[in-house]
Amino acid sequence: MNKEELDLYILQFQELNHLLKNEWLDIKKLLEENKINLSTTSFISFDEDEDGKQYGILLTKEKEIVTFEIDKDNHILIQFITDQQELEQLQYNDPSVTAALIHFQ
């Protein structure tokens, strides 16, 4: 990943964190209710599908990758990625994970 690409991801991280703290209050509340400390966690990726499911990736200050999925009824599934193979697959599917691990090292 070159510096220009990394800089674009850094802007994405800043925008996502701003949205989470100031506009996406429903997502913020669900994460906090599930013991995710948002003051020490960075929001690095977000997507929404055509069925209304929302997907996100977070990076904790301990450099743990956390994924979440929220269904249309606001039920949330949170997963801490601990398996190296799973992490590599996530990095392959979403380059923002690699960018976050570089940027927040």
C-alpha atoms as a PDB file:
ATOM      1  CA  MET A   1       0.000   0.000   0.000  1.00  0.00           C
ATOM      2  CA  ASN A   2       1.485   3.326  -1.011  1.00  0.00           C
ATOM      3  CA  LYS A   3       1.288   6.580   0.967  1.00  0.00           C
ATOM      4  CA  GLU A   4      -1.467   8.045  -1.221  1.00  0.00           C
ATOM      5  CA  GLU A   5      -3.706   5.006  -0.673  1.00  0.00           C
ATOM      6  CA  LEU A   6      -2.962   5.031   3.048  1.00  0.00           C
ATOM      7  CA  ASP A   7      -3.833   8.734   3.264  1.00  0.00           C
ATOM      8  CA  LEU A   8      -7.231   8.044   1.644  1.00  0.00           C
ATOM      9  CA  TYR A   9      -7.961   5.324   4.200  1.00  0.00           C
ATOM     10  CA  ILE A  10      -6.939   7.651   7.029  1.00  0.00           C
ATOM     11  CA  LEU A  11      -9.522  10.166   5.760  1.00  0.00           C
ATOM     12  CA  GLN A  12     -12.094   7.345   5.693  1.00  0.00           C
ATOM     13  CA  PHE A  13     -11.284   6.456   9.321  1.00  0.00           C
ATOM     14  CA  GLN A  14     -11.684  10.079  10.385  1.00  0.00           C
ATOM     15  CA  GLU A  15     -15.007  10.407   8.587  1.00  0.00           C
ATOM     16  CA  LEU A  16     -16.388   7.137   9.986  1.00  0.00           C
ATOM     17  CA  ASN A  17     -15.382   8.060  13.539  1.00  0.00           C
ATOM     18  CA  HIS A  18     -17.003  11.475  13.149  1.00  0.00           C
ATOM     19  CA  LEU A  19     -20.216   9.922  11.828  1.00  0.00           C
ATOM     20  CA  LEU A  20     -20.314   7.365  14.642  1.00  0.00           C
ATOM     21  CA  LYS A  21     -19.846   9.975  17.352  1.00  0.00           C
ATOM     22  CA  ASN A  22     -22.139  12.632  15.893  1.00  0.00           C
ATOM     23  CA  GLU A  23     -24.729  11.142  13.546  1.00  0.00           C
ATOM     24  CA  TRP A  24     -24.971   7.356  13.740  1.00  0.00           C
ATOM     25  CA  LEU A  25     -26.137   7.426  17.340  1.00  0.00           C
ATOM     26  CA  ASP A  26     -28.157   4.206  16.984  1.00  0.00           C
ATOM     27  CA  ILE A  27     -25.026   2.254  16.000  1.00  0.00           C
ATOM     28  CA  LYS A  28     -23.029   3.996  18.715  1.00  0.00           C
ATOM     29  CA  LYS A  29     -25.603   3.005  21.341  1.00  0.00           C
ATOM     30  CA  LEU A  30     -25.651  -0.649  20.230  1.00  0.00           C
ATOM     31  CA  LEU A  31     -21.857  -0.871  20.350  1.00  0.00           C
ATOM     32  CA  GLU A  32     -21.653   0.771  23.772  1.00  0.00           C
ATOM     33  CA  GLU A  33     -24.408  -1.496  25.122  1.00  0.00           C
ATOM     34  CA  ASN A  34     -22.212  -4.407  24.042  1.00  0.00           C
ATOM     35  CA  LYS A  35     -19.193  -3.163  25.979  1.00  0.00           C
ATOM     36  CA  ILE A  36     -17.277  -1.651  23.059  1.00  0.00           C
ATOM     37  CA  ASN A  37     -15.286   1.300  24.429  1.00  0.00           C
ATOM     38  CA  LEU A  38     -15.588   3.817  21.621  1.00  0.00           C
ATOM     39  CA  SER A  39     -13.189   6.274  23.251  1.00  0.00           C
ATOM     40  CA  THR A  40     -10.345   3.800  22.641  1.00  0.00           C
ATOM     41  CA  THR A  41     -11.640   2.165  19.450  1.00  0.00           C
ATOM     42  CA  SER A  42     -11.374   3.323  15.832  1.00  0.00           C
ATOM     43  CA  PHE A  43     -14.128   2.748  13.296  1.00  0.00           C
ATOM     44  CA  ILE A  44     -12.342   1.643  10.122  1.00  0.00           C
ATOM     45  CA  SER A  45     -14.940   0.207   7.741  1.00  0.00           C
ATOM     46  CA  PHE A  46     -18.683   0.278   7.146  1.00  0.00           C
ATOM     47  CA  ASP A  47     -21.079  -1.161   4.594  1.00  0.00           C
ATOM     48  CA  GLU A  48     -24.815  -1.679   4.242  1.00  0.00           C
ATOM     49  CA  ASP A  49     -26.539  -4.224   2.005  1.00  0.00           C
ATOM     50  CA  GLU A  50     -29.785  -4.008   0.076  1.00  0.00           C
ATOM     51  CA  ASP A  51     -31.657  -5.793   2.897  1.00  0.00           C
ATOM     52  CA  GLY A  52     -30.714  -3.104   5.432  1.00  0.00           C
ATOM     53  CA  LYS A  53     -28.011  -5.095   7.227  1.00  0.00           C
ATOM     54  CA  GLN A  54     -25.115  -2.964   8.387  1.00  0.00           C
ATOM     55  CA  TYR A  55     -21.560  -4.251   8.669  1.00  0.00           C
ATOM     56  CA  GLY A  56     -18.614  -2.597  10.338  1.00  0.00           C
ATOM     57  CA  ILE A  57     -15.041  -3.163  11.411  1.00  0.00           C
ATOM     58  CA  LEU A  58     -13.393  -1.620  14.443  1.00  0.00           C
ATOM     59  CA  LEU A  59      -9.801  -1.574  15.725  1.00  0.00           C
ATOM     60  CA  THR A  60      -9.249  -1.445  19.490  1.00  0.00           C
ATOM     61  CA  LYS A  61      -6.308   0.251  21.187  1.00  0.00           C
ATOM     62  CA  GLU A  62      -4.981  -3.269  21.850  1.00  0.00           C
ATOM     63  CA  LYS A  63      -4.913  -3.764  18.048  1.00  0.00           C
ATOM     64  CA  GLU A  64      -7.803  -6.218  18.109  1.00  0.00           C
ATOM     65  CA  ILE A  65     -10.026  -6.331  15.060  1.00  0.00           C
ATOM     66  CA  VAL A  66     -13.735  -6.382  15.873  1.00  0.00           C
ATOM     67  CA  THR A  67     -16.465  -6.943  13.311  1.00  0.00           C
ATOM     68  CA  PHE A  68     -20.132  -6.253  13.786  1.00  0.00           C
ATOM     69  CA  GLU A  69     -23.329  -6.932  11.912  1.00  0.00           C
ATOM     70  CA  ILE A  70     -26.640  -5.213  12.645  1.00  0.00           C
ATOM     71  CA  ASP A  71     -29.842  -6.602  11.164  1.00  0.00           C
ATOM     72  CA  LYS A  72     -32.914  -4.579  10.216  1.00  0.00           C
ATOM     73  CA  ASP A  73     -34.400  -5.212  13.696  1.00  0.00           C
ATOM     74  CA  ASN A  74     -31.310  -3.672  15.358  1.00  0.00           C
ATOM     75  CA  HIS A  75     -29.949  -6.969  16.658  1.00  0.00           C
ATOM     76  CA  ILE A  76     -26.169  -6.851  16.718  1.00  0.00           C
ATOM     77  CA  LEU A  77     -23.593  -9.616  16.348  1.00  0.00           C
ATOM     78  CA  ILE A  78     -20.080  -8.706  17.469  1.00  0.00           C
ATOM     79  CA  GLN A  79     -17.044 -10.850  16.753  1.00  0.00           C
ATOM     80  CA  PHE A  80     -13.439 -10.400  17.861  1.00  0.00           C
ATOM     81  CA  ILE A  81     -11.131 -11.713  15.140  1.00  0.00           C
ATOM     82  CA  THR A  82      -8.529 -13.911  16.822  1.00  0.00           C
ATOM     83  CA  ASP A  83      -7.758 -16.462  14.118  1.00  0.00           C
ATOM     84  CA  GLN A  84      -4.844 -15.452  11.858  1.00  0.00           C
ATOM     85  CA  GLN A  85      -6.411 -17.047   8.796  1.00  0.00           C
ATOM     86  CA  GLU A  86      -9.656 -15.203   9.395  1.00  0.00           C
ATOM     87  CA  LEU A  87      -7.733 -11.930   9.801  1.00  0.00           C
ATOM     88  CA  GLU A  88      -5.894 -12.518   6.526  1.00  0.00           C
ATOM     89  CA  GLN A  89      -9.177 -13.198   4.734  1.00  0.00           C
ATOM     90  CA  LEU A  90     -10.674 -10.016   6.199  1.00  0.00           C
ATOM     91  CA  GLN A  91      -7.613  -8.036   5.060  1.00  0.00           C
ATOM     92  CA  TYR A  92      -7.932  -9.524   1.573  1.00  0.00           C
ATOM     93  CA  ASN A  93     -11.631  -8.595   1.382  1.00  0.00           C
ATOM     94  CA  ASP A  94     -11.232  -5.143   2.944  1.00  0.00           C
ATOM     95  CA  PRO A  95      -7.901  -3.307   2.493  1.00  0.00           C
ATOM     96  CA  SER A  96      -8.930  -0.765   5.130  1.00  0.00           C
ATOM     97  CA  VAL A  97      -8.018  -3.389   7.756  1.00  0.00           C
ATOM     98  CA  THR A  98      -4.418  -3.445   6.542  1.00  0.00           C
ATOM     99  CA  ALA A  99      -4.384   0.356   6.355  1.00  0.00           C
ATOM    100  CA  ALA A 100      -5.640   0.604   9.948  1.00  0.00           C
ATOM    101  CA  LEU A 101      -3.042  -1.859  11.230  1.00  0.00           C
ATOM    102  CA  ILE A 102      -0.323   0.224   9.532  1.00  0.00           C
ATOM    103  CA  HIS A 103      -1.698   3.614  10.565  1.00  0.00           C
ATOM    104  CA  PHE A 104      -2.528   2.809  14.202  1.00  0.00           C
ATOM    105  CA  GLN A 105       0.588   0.758  14.994  1.00  0.00           C
END
